Protein backbone atom coordinates (compact mmCIF):
# COMPACT_ATOMS: atom_id res chain seq x y z
CA MET A 1 114.49 87.68 93.37
CA GLY A 2 113.08 90.81 91.51
CA GLU A 3 112.34 94.17 93.03
CA THR A 4 108.81 94.85 94.27
CA VAL A 5 107.12 97.58 92.18
CA PHE A 6 105.36 100.21 94.20
CA LYS A 7 102.53 101.59 92.06
CA GLN A 8 101.01 104.89 93.28
CA TYR A 9 98.04 106.91 92.01
CA PRO A 10 97.99 110.80 92.06
CA THR A 11 94.62 110.72 93.89
CA VAL A 12 96.43 109.36 96.97
CA ALA A 13 98.84 112.32 97.07
CA VAL A 14 95.82 114.64 97.30
CA LYS A 15 94.56 112.64 100.30
CA TRP A 16 97.91 112.71 101.96
CA ALA A 17 98.09 116.54 101.59
CA ALA A 18 94.72 116.84 103.22
CA TYR A 19 95.84 115.33 106.50
CA PRO A 20 97.17 117.47 109.37
CA GLU A 21 101.04 117.19 109.47
CA VAL A 22 101.21 115.18 112.68
CA VAL A 23 98.67 112.69 111.33
CA ARG A 24 100.34 112.51 107.92
CA SER A 25 103.70 111.56 109.61
CA LYS A 26 102.05 108.74 111.63
CA LEU A 27 100.18 107.32 108.58
CA LYS A 28 103.27 107.61 106.45
CA ALA A 29 105.18 105.56 109.12
CA LEU A 30 102.49 102.83 108.78
CA ARG A 31 102.79 103.09 104.99
CA GLN A 32 106.52 102.66 105.23
CA LEU A 33 106.01 99.40 107.27
CA ILE A 34 103.50 98.09 104.63
CA VAL A 35 106.05 98.70 101.82
CA GLU A 36 108.91 97.15 103.89
CA VAL A 37 106.85 94.01 104.47
CA ALA A 38 105.75 93.76 100.79
CA GLU A 39 109.35 94.16 99.64
CA SER A 40 110.52 91.39 102.03
CA LEU A 41 108.15 88.85 100.64
CA PRO A 42 109.57 87.37 97.44
CA GLU A 43 106.04 86.35 96.13
CA ILE A 44 104.88 90.02 96.02
CA GLN A 45 105.76 91.48 92.65
CA GLN A 46 103.79 94.73 93.11
CA ILE A 47 102.02 96.75 95.77
CA GLU A 48 99.50 99.17 94.68
CA GLU A 49 98.56 102.39 96.70
CA THR A 50 95.22 103.67 95.76
CA LEU A 51 92.10 105.06 97.51
CA LYS A 52 89.24 102.77 98.59
CA TRP A 53 86.35 104.40 100.52
CA GLY A 54 88.37 107.59 100.38
CA GLU A 55 91.25 106.04 102.35
CA PRO A 56 94.80 105.16 101.42
CA SER A 57 94.69 101.50 100.61
CA TYR A 58 97.41 98.85 99.84
CA ILE A 59 96.71 95.94 97.49
CA VAL A 60 98.82 93.00 96.44
CA GLN A 61 97.89 90.04 94.20
CA GLY A 62 96.59 87.29 96.36
CA GLY A 63 96.47 89.34 99.54
CA SER A 64 93.83 91.16 101.55
CA THR A 65 93.60 94.97 101.22
CA ILE A 66 94.96 97.02 103.92
CA ARG A 67 93.63 100.55 104.49
CA MET A 68 94.44 103.34 106.90
CA ASP A 69 92.80 106.60 107.90
CA TRP A 70 92.30 109.38 110.49
CA LYS A 71 88.98 111.01 110.93
CA PRO A 72 88.34 114.54 112.35
CA LYS A 73 85.58 113.22 114.62
CA MET A 74 88.24 111.12 116.52
CA PRO A 75 91.17 113.65 116.18
CA GLN A 76 93.52 111.76 118.59
CA GLN A 77 93.17 108.43 116.88
CA TYR A 78 94.11 106.77 113.48
CA ALA A 79 93.50 103.27 112.28
CA LEU A 80 94.85 100.41 110.22
CA TYR A 81 91.91 98.56 108.59
CA PHE A 82 91.76 95.01 107.45
CA ASN A 83 88.94 93.22 105.51
CA CYS A 84 86.16 92.62 108.08
CA ASN A 85 85.02 89.48 106.22
CA THR A 86 88.26 87.76 107.21
CA ARG A 87 89.44 86.49 110.57
CA LEU A 88 92.55 88.75 110.48
CA VAL A 89 91.70 91.00 113.43
CA GLU A 90 90.28 88.15 115.49
CA THR A 91 93.64 86.30 114.78
CA PHE A 92 95.58 89.43 115.91
CA LYS A 93 93.50 89.47 119.20
CA VAL A 94 94.39 85.85 119.84
CA VAL A 95 98.12 86.37 119.17
CA TYR A 96 98.62 89.83 120.69
CA GLY A 97 95.80 90.12 123.18
CA ASP A 98 95.61 93.62 124.55
CA LEU A 99 98.76 94.86 122.99
CA PHE A 100 96.57 96.77 120.46
CA ASN A 101 93.24 98.60 120.68
CA TYR A 102 90.74 97.14 118.19
CA GLU A 103 87.65 98.23 116.42
CA GLY A 104 85.52 95.07 116.06
CA LYS A 105 86.72 92.78 113.32
CA ARG A 106 88.04 95.45 111.11
CA ALA A 107 90.79 97.56 112.60
CA ILE A 108 93.69 98.23 114.94
CA LEU A 109 93.43 101.70 116.44
CA PHE A 110 96.31 103.96 117.46
CA ASP A 111 96.45 107.18 119.53
CA LEU A 112 98.66 109.87 118.02
CA GLU A 113 100.91 109.63 121.17
CA ASP A 114 101.35 105.82 120.85
CA GLU A 115 104.61 104.36 120.08
CA ILE A 116 103.77 101.70 117.42
CA PRO A 117 105.12 98.19 118.24
CA LYS A 118 106.73 97.94 114.82
CA GLU A 119 107.65 94.24 114.65
CA GLU A 120 104.17 93.15 115.83
CA ILE A 121 102.44 95.43 113.35
CA LYS A 122 104.72 94.16 110.64
CA ALA A 123 103.68 90.63 111.42
CA CYS A 124 99.93 91.65 111.13
CA ILE A 125 100.62 93.28 107.83
CA GLN A 126 102.52 90.19 106.60
CA ILE A 127 99.62 87.92 107.49
CA ALA A 128 97.22 90.18 105.52
CA LEU A 129 99.51 90.56 102.52
């Protein structure tokens, strides 16, 4: 089994630097979970970190793009976005019920004070990847 390559683009570093520190630490914790899941899956050779719609995004061959972001208009909240043209978020709702807050068919929302249920989020990430 080879090592998963984590390919990063400089534009993402600029985006990370623009987030308030408390937000950046929360988003980087989500990013770490995405990388851990990708590295645990032998079929994933590379995970690419780029910007899509101005948001940090994670792409693997054969998987669905996962994005994350925080918006100043909702300062106490950040989100993990999934492709809304899939049934991913609907599936998460069936499996996890009200464990998470959802935004339609596209996102799991977190409050800055929330303790993220890591194993459950990692399972959601694995399904998407």
